[in-house]
Amino acid sequence: MMTCDDAGVLLHALLDGELDAGHAREVEAHIAGCPRCAAQLRDYRAMRQAMSGANLGFAVPSALRSRIDAIIPAAPVRAPAPSRRSLLQGFAFGAALSAAAAASVLFVVVRSDEDQRMLGDVVSAHLRSLQAEHLTDVPSTDQHTVKPWFNGKLAVAPPVADLTAQGFTLLGGRLDYIDGKAVAAIVYRRRVHVINLFVAQASALEPTAARHEMIQGFNVRRWTEQGLRFIAISDINADELADFGAKFEAASRAGA
């Protein structure tokens, strides 16, 4: 039997036509007997219709165009012609620089492909978790229940923080797989939105600052700390996900 919490995280997917037929029928059956979820779906539809009909475009005022044109120089300043010797020196330096740049580009491309594959796995794992009965293996709002559950299942048990007072409710945890490796997934809820925080061992011990990006319509925040790699993903806005990450980092440092 689907609960309101289960249906709540799937309403947006139902509205966007992203659910398979079986899960769509389950959500629709729940809505048919639940006035609260039915009202929530009506509100989402009304909001979507209002946004699609609104004129959200912005035309640049002519005064602003004139100011920008006034700032941009009318013609580039021509540099003096280089000497033959400087040309030869520049050519030799440029050849060495090009070789180094080519190697670094290859490295970036390889790392980019690895990143894209890993982030694709993160999105897939997040979407799988939103299906019925896939969200948690250990459903609990108690961090002292969730953290010990990972003992023996992973090489390192992840930190788990209770952020309910800060507006992020702990729902539990589960085992998941990213890039073919078992990782911890700690699950939080912000209003009707689910946040999956994936935790795995990092390849480097040095901490790295948080990076924010949008992947396939989801906001992602990732960072490394205490020898662990953290990746948070949700459909909440970037500012709220950044707030979640900052609060989790502060709580895990305090716990450590």
C-alpha atoms as a PDB file:
ATOM      1  CA  MET A   1       0.000   0.000   0.000  1.00  0.00           C
ATOM      2  CA  MET A   2       1.481   3.350  -1.073  1.00  0.00           C
ATOM      3  CA  THR A   3       1.789   5.986   1.680  1.00  0.00           C
ATOM      4  CA  CYS A   4       1.539   9.764   1.332  1.00  0.00           C
ATOM      5  CA  ASP A   5       5.335  10.012   1.735  1.00  0.00           C
ATOM      6  CA  ASP A   6       5.843   7.531  -1.116  1.00  0.00           C
ATOM      7  CA  ALA A   7       3.370   9.356  -3.357  1.00  0.00           C
ATOM      8  CA  GLY A   8       4.761  12.766  -2.425  1.00  0.00           C
ATOM      9  CA  VAL A   9       8.157  12.098  -3.993  1.00  0.00           C
ATOM     10  CA  LEU A  10       6.571  10.739  -7.185  1.00  0.00           C
ATOM     11  CA  LEU A  11       4.007  13.472  -7.897  1.00  0.00           C
ATOM     12  CA  HIS A  12       6.431  15.557  -9.974  1.00  0.00           C
ATOM     13  CA  ALA A  13       7.469  12.485 -11.959  1.00  0.00           C
ATOM     14  CA  LEU A  14       3.791  11.655 -12.594  1.00  0.00           C
ATOM     15  CA  LEU A  15       3.099  15.223 -13.721  1.00  0.00           C
ATOM     16  CA  ASP A  16       6.086  15.138 -16.114  1.00  0.00           C
ATOM     17  CA  GLY A  17       5.143  11.709 -17.507  1.00  0.00           C
ATOM     18  CA  GLU A  18       8.353  10.095 -16.215  1.00  0.00           C
ATOM     19  CA  LEU A  19       6.780   7.101 -14.409  1.00  0.00           C
ATOM     20  CA  ASP A  20       6.309   3.686 -15.962  1.00  0.00           C
ATOM     21  CA  ALA A  21       2.747   2.421 -16.309  1.00  0.00           C
ATOM     22  CA  GLY A  22       2.819   0.309 -13.139  1.00  0.00           C
ATOM     23  CA  HIS A  23       4.035   3.066 -10.817  1.00  0.00           C
ATOM     24  CA  ALA A  24       1.780   5.636 -12.495  1.00  0.00           C
ATOM     25  CA  ARG A  25      -1.241   3.409 -11.703  1.00  0.00           C
ATOM     26  CA  GLU A  26      -0.114   3.063  -8.082  1.00  0.00           C
ATOM     27  CA  VAL A  27       0.218   6.827  -7.627  1.00  0.00           C
ATOM     28  CA  GLU A  28      -3.098   7.514  -9.365  1.00  0.00           C
ATOM     29  CA  ALA A  29      -4.838   4.900  -7.208  1.00  0.00           C
ATOM     30  CA  HIS A  30      -3.435   6.523  -4.081  1.00  0.00           C
ATOM     31  CA  ILE A  31      -4.479  10.001  -5.246  1.00  0.00           C
ATOM     32  CA  ALA A  32      -8.014   8.752  -5.924  1.00  0.00           C
ATOM     33  CA  GLY A  33      -8.403   7.902  -2.230  1.00  0.00           C
ATOM     34  CA  CYS A  34      -6.269  10.655  -0.660  1.00  0.00           C
ATOM     35  CA  PRO A  35      -7.661  14.217  -0.718  1.00  0.00           C
ATOM     36  CA  ARG A  36      -4.385  15.692   0.543  1.00  0.00           C
ATOM     37  CA  CYS A  37      -2.215  14.225  -2.240  1.00  0.00           C
ATOM     38  CA  ALA A  38      -4.899  15.000  -4.827  1.00  0.00           C
ATOM     39  CA  ALA A  39      -4.903  18.644  -3.700  1.00  0.00           C
ATOM     40  CA  GLN A  40      -1.096  18.724  -3.873  1.00  0.00           C
ATOM     41  CA  LEU A  41      -1.153  17.412  -7.450  1.00  0.00           C
ATOM     42  CA  ARG A  42      -3.760  20.043  -8.412  1.00  0.00           C
ATOM     43  CA  ASP A  43      -1.513  22.756  -6.952  1.00  0.00           C
ATOM     44  CA  TYR A  44       1.481  21.460  -8.959  1.00  0.00           C
ATOM     45  CA  ARG A  45      -0.595  21.454 -12.152  1.00  0.00           C
ATOM     46  CA  ALA A  46      -1.859  24.990 -11.505  1.00  0.00           C
ATOM     47  CA  MET A  47       1.699  26.208 -10.873  1.00  0.00           C
ATOM     48  CA  ARG A  48       2.956  24.551 -14.047  1.00  0.00           C
ATOM     49  CA  GLN A  49       0.158  26.087 -16.115  1.00  0.00           C
ATOM     50  CA  ALA A  50       0.784  29.541 -14.631  1.00  0.00           C
ATOM     51  CA  MET A  51       4.502  29.360 -15.397  1.00  0.00           C
ATOM     52  CA  SER A  52       4.026  28.075 -18.949  1.00  0.00           C
ATOM     53  CA  GLY A  53       1.632  30.915 -19.742  1.00  0.00           C
ATOM     54  CA  ALA A  54       3.731  33.661 -18.142  1.00  0.00           C
ATOM     55  CA  ASN A  55       5.925  35.908 -20.244  1.00  0.00           C
ATOM     56  CA  LEU A  56       9.275  35.209 -18.589  1.00  0.00           C
ATOM     57  CA  GLY A  57      11.406  36.746 -21.332  1.00  0.00           C
ATOM     58  CA  PHE A  58      13.441  39.899 -20.712  1.00  0.00           C
ATOM     59  CA  ALA A  59      14.309  42.402 -23.411  1.00  0.00           C
ATOM     60  CA  VAL A  60      17.517  44.388 -22.934  1.00  0.00           C
ATOM     61  CA  PRO A  61      16.653  48.116 -22.630  1.00  0.00           C
ATOM     62  CA  SER A  62      18.076  50.300 -25.375  1.00  0.00           C
ATOM     63  CA  ALA A  63      19.780  52.529 -22.774  1.00  0.00           C
ATOM     64  CA  LEU A  64      21.735  49.533 -21.480  1.00  0.00           C
ATOM     65  CA  ARG A  65      22.760  48.588 -25.024  1.00  0.00           C
ATOM     66  CA  SER A  66      24.040  52.137 -25.568  1.00  0.00           C
ATOM     67  CA  ARG A  67      26.089  52.035 -22.356  1.00  0.00           C
ATOM     68  CA  ILE A  68      27.669  48.697 -23.349  1.00  0.00           C
ATOM     69  CA  ASP A  69      28.481  50.002 -26.843  1.00  0.00           C
ATOM     70  CA  ALA A  70      30.135  53.055 -25.276  1.00  0.00           C
ATOM     71  CA  ILE A  71      32.361  50.871 -23.078  1.00  0.00           C
ATOM     72  CA  ILE A  72      33.536  48.551 -25.882  1.00  0.00           C
ATOM     73  CA  PRO A  73      36.381  50.171 -27.863  1.00  0.00           C
ATOM     74  CA  ALA A  74      35.527  51.044 -31.447  1.00  0.00           C
ATOM     75  CA  ALA A  75      38.640  49.413 -32.932  1.00  0.00           C
ATOM     76  CA  PRO A  76      41.392  47.185 -31.514  1.00  0.00           C
ATOM     77  CA  VAL A  77      44.784  48.744 -30.783  1.00  0.00           C
ATOM     78  CA  ARG A  78      47.377  47.396 -33.222  1.00  0.00           C
ATOM     79  CA  ALA A  79      50.546  46.039 -31.648  1.00  0.00           C
ATOM     80  CA  PRO A  80      53.955  46.830 -33.229  1.00  0.00           C
ATOM     81  CA  ALA A  81      55.193  44.265 -35.775  1.00  0.00           C
ATOM     82  CA  PRO A  82      57.363  41.582 -34.120  1.00  0.00           C
ATOM     83  CA  SER A  83      60.978  41.099 -35.119  1.00  0.00           C
ATOM     84  CA  ARG A  84      62.266  37.980 -36.940  1.00  0.00           C
ATOM     85  CA  ARG A  85      64.091  36.820 -33.799  1.00  0.00           C
ATOM     86  CA  SER A  86      61.034  37.208 -31.573  1.00  0.00           C
ATOM     87  CA  LEU A  87      58.980  35.281 -34.114  1.00  0.00           C
ATOM     88  CA  LEU A  88      61.407  32.341 -34.020  1.00  0.00           C
ATOM     89  CA  GLN A  89      61.527  32.368 -30.208  1.00  0.00           C
ATOM     90  CA  GLY A  90      57.756  32.542 -30.072  1.00  0.00           C
ATOM     91  CA  PHE A  91      57.435  29.646 -32.496  1.00  0.00           C
ATOM     92  CA  ALA A  92      59.723  27.402 -30.400  1.00  0.00           C
ATOM     93  CA  PHE A  93      57.909  28.307 -27.178  1.00  0.00           C
ATOM     94  CA  GLY A  94      54.531  27.844 -28.857  1.00  0.00           C
ATOM     95  CA  ALA A  95      55.452  24.361 -30.087  1.00  0.00           C
ATOM     96  CA  ALA A  96      56.433  23.267 -26.569  1.00  0.00           C
ATOM     97  CA  LEU A  97      53.325  24.866 -25.115  1.00  0.00           C
ATOM     98  CA  SER A  98      51.099  23.177 -27.699  1.00  0.00           C
ATOM     99  CA  ALA A  99      52.540  19.752 -26.848  1.00  0.00           C
ATOM    100  CA  ALA A 100      51.907  20.325 -23.148  1.00  0.00           C
ATOM    101  CA  ALA A 101      48.425  21.648 -23.860  1.00  0.00           C
ATOM    102  CA  ALA A 102      47.590  18.616 -26.016  1.00  0.00           C
ATOM    103  CA  ALA A 103      48.585  16.270 -23.190  1.00  0.00           C
ATOM    104  CA  SER A 104      46.562  18.226 -20.657  1.00  0.00           C
ATOM    105  CA  VAL A 105      43.521  18.300 -22.965  1.00  0.00           C
ATOM    106  CA  LEU A 106      43.700  14.512 -23.326  1.00  0.00           C
ATOM    107  CA  PHE A 107      43.843  14.195 -19.535  1.00  0.00           C
ATOM    108  CA  VAL A 108      40.859  16.525 -19.117  1.00  0.00           C
ATOM    109  CA  VAL A 109      38.846  14.637 -21.739  1.00  0.00           C
ATOM    110  CA  VAL A 110      39.536  11.298 -20.049  1.00  0.00           C
ATOM    111  CA  ARG A 111      38.681  12.700 -16.636  1.00  0.00           C
ATOM    112  CA  SER A 112      35.582  14.349 -18.107  1.00  0.00           C
ATOM    113  CA  ASP A 113      34.405  11.015 -19.536  1.00  0.00           C
ATOM    114  CA  GLU A 114      34.967   9.357 -16.157  1.00  0.00           C
ATOM    115  CA  ASP A 115      33.081  12.170 -14.434  1.00  0.00           C
ATOM    116  CA  GLN A 116      30.186  11.944 -16.863  1.00  0.00           C
ATOM    117  CA  ARG A 117      29.911   8.183 -16.420  1.00  0.00           C
ATOM    118  CA  MET A 118      30.047   8.500 -12.636  1.00  0.00           C
ATOM    119  CA  LEU A 119      27.488  11.317 -12.569  1.00  0.00           C
ATOM    120  CA  GLY A 120      25.249   9.321 -14.900  1.00  0.00           C
ATOM    121  CA  ASP A 121      25.349   6.495 -12.336  1.00  0.00           C
ATOM    122  CA  VAL A 122      24.461   8.995  -9.596  1.00  0.00           C
ATOM    123  CA  VAL A 123      21.396  10.204 -11.508  1.00  0.00           C
ATOM    124  CA  SER A 124      20.317   6.617 -12.268  1.00  0.00           C
ATOM    125  CA  ALA A 125      20.688   5.611  -8.613  1.00  0.00           C
ATOM    126  CA  HIS A 126      18.697   8.677  -7.522  1.00  0.00           C
ATOM    127  CA  LEU A 127      15.873   7.893  -9.956  1.00  0.00           C
ATOM    128  CA  ARG A 128      15.795   4.224  -8.891  1.00  0.00           C
ATOM    129  CA  SER A 129      15.475   5.273  -5.280  1.00  0.00           C
ATOM    130  CA  LEU A 130      12.344   7.301  -6.038  1.00  0.00           C
ATOM    131  CA  GLN A 131      10.503   4.185  -7.149  1.00  0.00           C
ATOM    132  CA  ALA A 132       8.305   2.526  -4.542  1.00  0.00           C
ATOM    133  CA  GLU A 133      10.179   0.629  -1.787  1.00  0.00           C
ATOM    134  CA  HIS A 134      13.634   1.486  -3.142  1.00  0.00           C
ATOM    135  CA  LEU A 135      14.341   4.564  -1.035  1.00  0.00           C
ATOM    136  CA  THR A 136      15.850   2.999   2.117  1.00  0.00           C
ATOM    137  CA  ASP A 137      17.125  -0.341   3.374  1.00  0.00           C
ATOM    138  CA  VAL A 138      17.111   0.946   6.956  1.00  0.00           C
ATOM    139  CA  PRO A 139      14.229   3.441   7.383  1.00  0.00           C
ATOM    140  CA  SER A 140      14.911   5.546  10.466  1.00  0.00           C
ATOM    141  CA  THR A 141      15.107   9.170  11.550  1.00  0.00           C
ATOM    142  CA  ASP A 142      17.679   8.229  14.219  1.00  0.00           C
ATOM    143  CA  GLN A 143      21.290   8.766  13.128  1.00  0.00           C
ATOM    144  CA  HIS A 144      22.425   6.279  15.797  1.00  0.00           C
ATOM    145  CA  THR A 145      20.388   3.590  14.035  1.00  0.00           C
ATOM    146  CA  VAL A 146      21.382   4.461  10.476  1.00  0.00           C
ATOM    147  CA  LYS A 147      25.165   4.818  10.958  1.00  0.00           C
ATOM    148  CA  PRO A 148      25.773   1.424  12.683  1.00  0.00           C
ATOM    149  CA  TRP A 149      23.694  -0.319   9.995  1.00  0.00           C
ATOM    150  CA  PHE A 150      26.521   0.279   7.509  1.00  0.00           C
ATOM    151  CA  ASN A 151      29.135  -1.441   9.725  1.00  0.00           C
ATOM    152  CA  GLY A 152      30.476  -4.519   7.965  1.00  0.00           C
ATOM    153  CA  LYS A 153      28.745  -3.633   4.700  1.00  0.00           C
ATOM    154  CA  LEU A 154      31.333  -1.074   3.597  1.00  0.00           C
ATOM    155  CA  ALA A 155      35.033  -0.581   4.267  1.00  0.00           C
ATOM    156  CA  VAL A 156      34.272   2.695   6.074  1.00  0.00           C
ATOM    157  CA  ALA A 157      30.975   3.573   7.747  1.00  0.00           C
ATOM    158  CA  PRO A 158      29.798   7.014   6.534  1.00  0.00           C
ATOM    159  CA  PRO A 159      29.059   9.915   8.865  1.00  0.00           C
ATOM    160  CA  VAL A 160      25.330  10.414   9.437  1.00  0.00           C
ATOM    161  CA  ALA A 161      23.936  13.717  10.698  1.00  0.00           C
ATOM    162  CA  ASP A 162      20.540  14.554  12.169  1.00  0.00           C
ATOM    163  CA  LEU A 163      19.561  17.794  10.402  1.00  0.00           C
ATOM    164  CA  THR A 164      15.844  17.765  11.233  1.00  0.00           C
ATOM    165  CA  ALA A 165      16.098  20.973  13.244  1.00  0.00           C
ATOM    166  CA  GLN A 166      17.744  22.658  10.227  1.00  0.00           C
ATOM    167  CA  GLY A 167      14.919  21.639   7.882  1.00  0.00           C
ATOM    168  CA  PHE A 168      16.346  18.424   6.408  1.00  0.00           C
ATOM    169  CA  THR A 169      14.682  15.285   7.791  1.00  0.00           C
ATOM    170  CA  LEU A 170      16.704  12.075   7.929  1.00  0.00           C
ATOM    171  CA  LEU A 171      14.717   9.228   6.323  1.00  0.00           C
ATOM    172  CA  GLY A 172      17.286   6.405   6.570  1.00  0.00           C
ATOM    173  CA  GLY A 173      20.010   4.781   4.505  1.00  0.00           C
ATOM    174  CA  ARG A 174      20.683   2.064   1.958  1.00  0.00           C
ATOM    175  CA  LEU A 175      23.436   0.417  -0.037  1.00  0.00           C
ATOM    176  CA  ASP A 176      23.733   1.526  -3.659  1.00  0.00           C
ATOM    177  CA  TYR A 177      26.210   1.198  -6.515  1.00  0.00           C
ATOM    178  CA  ILE A 178      28.111   3.995  -8.275  1.00  0.00           C
ATOM    179  CA  ASP A 179      30.681   3.209 -10.990  1.00  0.00           C
ATOM    180  CA  GLY A 180      30.358  -0.497 -10.150  1.00  0.00           C
ATOM    181  CA  LYS A 181      31.271  -0.018  -6.467  1.00  0.00           C
ATOM    182  CA  ALA A 182      29.128  -0.301  -3.347  1.00  0.00           C
ATOM    183  CA  VAL A 183      28.516   3.074  -1.688  1.00  0.00           C
ATOM    184  CA  ALA A 184      26.446   4.374   1.190  1.00  0.00           C
ATOM    185  CA  ALA A 185      23.323   6.380   0.375  1.00  0.00           C
ATOM    186  CA  ILE A 186      21.988   8.551   3.194  1.00  0.00           C
ATOM    187  CA  VAL A 187      18.495   9.824   2.470  1.00  0.00           C
ATOM    188  CA  TYR A 188      16.993  13.140   3.587  1.00  0.00           C
ATOM    189  CA  ARG A 189      13.773  14.964   2.797  1.00  0.00           C
ATOM    190  CA  ARG A 190      13.261  18.693   2.278  1.00  0.00           C
ATOM    191  CA  ARG A 191       9.508  19.324   2.199  1.00  0.00           C
ATOM    192  CA  VAL A 192       8.387  16.885  -0.568  1.00  0.00           C
ATOM    193  CA  HIS A 193      11.846  16.641  -2.145  1.00  0.00           C
ATOM    194  CA  VAL A 194      14.256  13.746  -1.607  1.00  0.00           C
ATOM    195  CA  ILE A 195      17.999  14.311  -1.194  1.00  0.00           C
ATOM    196  CA  ASN A 196      20.294  11.347  -1.769  1.00  0.00           C
ATOM    197  CA  LEU A 197      23.767  11.771  -0.274  1.00  0.00           C
ATOM    198  CA  PHE A 198      26.170   9.160  -1.684  1.00  0.00           C
ATOM    199  CA  VAL A 199      29.323   8.507   0.356  1.00  0.00           C
ATOM    200  CA  ALA A 200      32.369   6.499  -0.785  1.00  0.00           C
ATOM    201  CA  GLN A 201      36.088   6.368  -0.113  1.00  0.00           C
ATOM    202  CA  ALA A 202      37.994   9.125  -1.933  1.00  0.00           C
ATOM    203  CA  SER A 203      41.034   8.430  -4.091  1.00  0.00           C
ATOM    204  CA  ALA A 204      42.930  11.293  -2.390  1.00  0.00           C
ATOM    205  CA  LEU A 205      43.100  12.242   1.282  1.00  0.00           C
ATOM    206  CA  GLU A 206      43.256  16.001   0.706  1.00  0.00           C
ATOM    207  CA  PRO A 207      39.839  17.703   1.100  1.00  0.00           C
ATOM    208  CA  THR A 208      38.389  19.516  -1.894  1.00  0.00           C
ATOM    209  CA  ALA A 209      35.939  22.407  -1.945  1.00  0.00           C
ATOM    210  CA  ALA A 210      32.334  21.802  -2.952  1.00  0.00           C
ATOM    211  CA  ARG A 211      31.397  21.888  -6.646  1.00  0.00           C
ATOM    212  CA  HIS A 212      27.870  22.615  -7.848  1.00  0.00           C
ATOM    213  CA  GLU A 213      26.474  21.495 -11.188  1.00  0.00           C
ATOM    214  CA  MET A 214      23.210  20.526 -12.850  1.00  0.00           C
ATOM    215  CA  ILE A 215      22.967  17.042 -14.389  1.00  0.00           C
ATOM    216  CA  GLN A 216      19.854  15.945 -16.320  1.00  0.00           C
ATOM    217  CA  GLY A 217      17.671  18.455 -14.467  1.00  0.00           C
ATOM    218  CA  PHE A 218      18.988  17.600 -10.981  1.00  0.00           C
ATOM    219  CA  ASN A 219      21.218  19.786  -8.822  1.00  0.00           C
ATOM    220  CA  VAL A 220      24.398  18.053  -7.656  1.00  0.00           C
ATOM    221  CA  ARG A 221      26.864  19.123  -4.954  1.00  0.00           C
ATOM    222  CA  ARG A 222      30.055  17.117  -4.466  1.00  0.00           C
ATOM    223  CA  TRP A 223      33.064  17.471  -2.205  1.00  0.00           C
ATOM    224  CA  THR A 224      35.699  15.360  -0.431  1.00  0.00           C
ATOM    225  CA  GLU A 225      36.599  15.447   3.237  1.00  0.00           C
ATOM    226  CA  GLN A 226      38.085  13.077   5.840  1.00  0.00           C
ATOM    227  CA  GLY A 227      39.141  10.694   3.061  1.00  0.00           C
ATOM    228  CA  LEU A 228      35.550  10.362   1.832  1.00  0.00           C
ATOM    229  CA  ARG A 229      33.809  11.539  -1.326  1.00  0.00           C
ATOM    230  CA  PHE A 230      30.335  13.025  -0.926  1.00  0.00           C
ATOM    231  CA  ILE A 231      27.800  13.549  -3.738  1.00  0.00           C
ATOM    232  CA  ALA A 232      24.408  15.078  -2.912  1.00  0.00           C
ATOM    233  CA  ILE A 233      21.683  15.086  -5.575  1.00  0.00           C
ATOM    234  CA  SER A 234      18.110  16.390  -5.520  1.00  0.00           C
ATOM    235  CA  ASP A 235      15.546  18.387  -7.478  1.00  0.00           C
ATOM    236  CA  ILE A 236      15.576  21.160  -4.865  1.00  0.00           C
ATOM    237  CA  ASN A 237      17.164  24.401  -6.005  1.00  0.00           C
ATOM    238  CA  ALA A 238      20.926  24.907  -5.914  1.00  0.00           C
ATOM    239  CA  ASP A 239      20.854  27.302  -2.944  1.00  0.00           C
ATOM    240  CA  GLU A 240      18.947  24.823  -0.781  1.00  0.00           C
ATOM    241  CA  LEU A 241      21.265  21.986  -1.773  1.00  0.00           C
ATOM    242  CA  ALA A 242      24.261  24.170  -0.922  1.00  0.00           C
ATOM    243  CA  ASP A 243      22.653  24.918   2.452  1.00  0.00           C
ATOM    244  CA  PHE A 244      22.158  21.191   3.036  1.00  0.00           C
ATOM    245  CA  GLY A 245      25.788  20.449   2.148  1.00  0.00           C
ATOM    246  CA  ALA A 246      27.128  23.180   4.427  1.00  0.00           C
ATOM    247  CA  LYS A 247      24.991  22.002   7.345  1.00  0.00           C
ATOM    248  CA  PHE A 248      25.999  18.362   6.791  1.00  0.00           C
ATOM    249  CA  GLU A 249      29.688  19.272   6.633  1.00  0.00           C
ATOM    250  CA  ALA A 250      29.449  21.294   9.842  1.00  0.00           C
ATOM    251  CA  ALA A 251      27.596  18.487  11.642  1.00  0.00           C
ATOM    252  CA  SER A 252      30.007  15.763  10.471  1.00  0.00           C
ATOM    253  CA  ARG A 253      33.035  17.856  11.535  1.00  0.00           C
ATOM    254  CA  ALA A 254      31.469  18.364  14.946  1.00  0.00           C
ATOM    255  CA  GLY A 255      30.819  14.631  15.209  1.00  0.00           C
ATOM    256  CA  ALA A 256      34.382  13.803  14.174  1.00  0.00           C
END
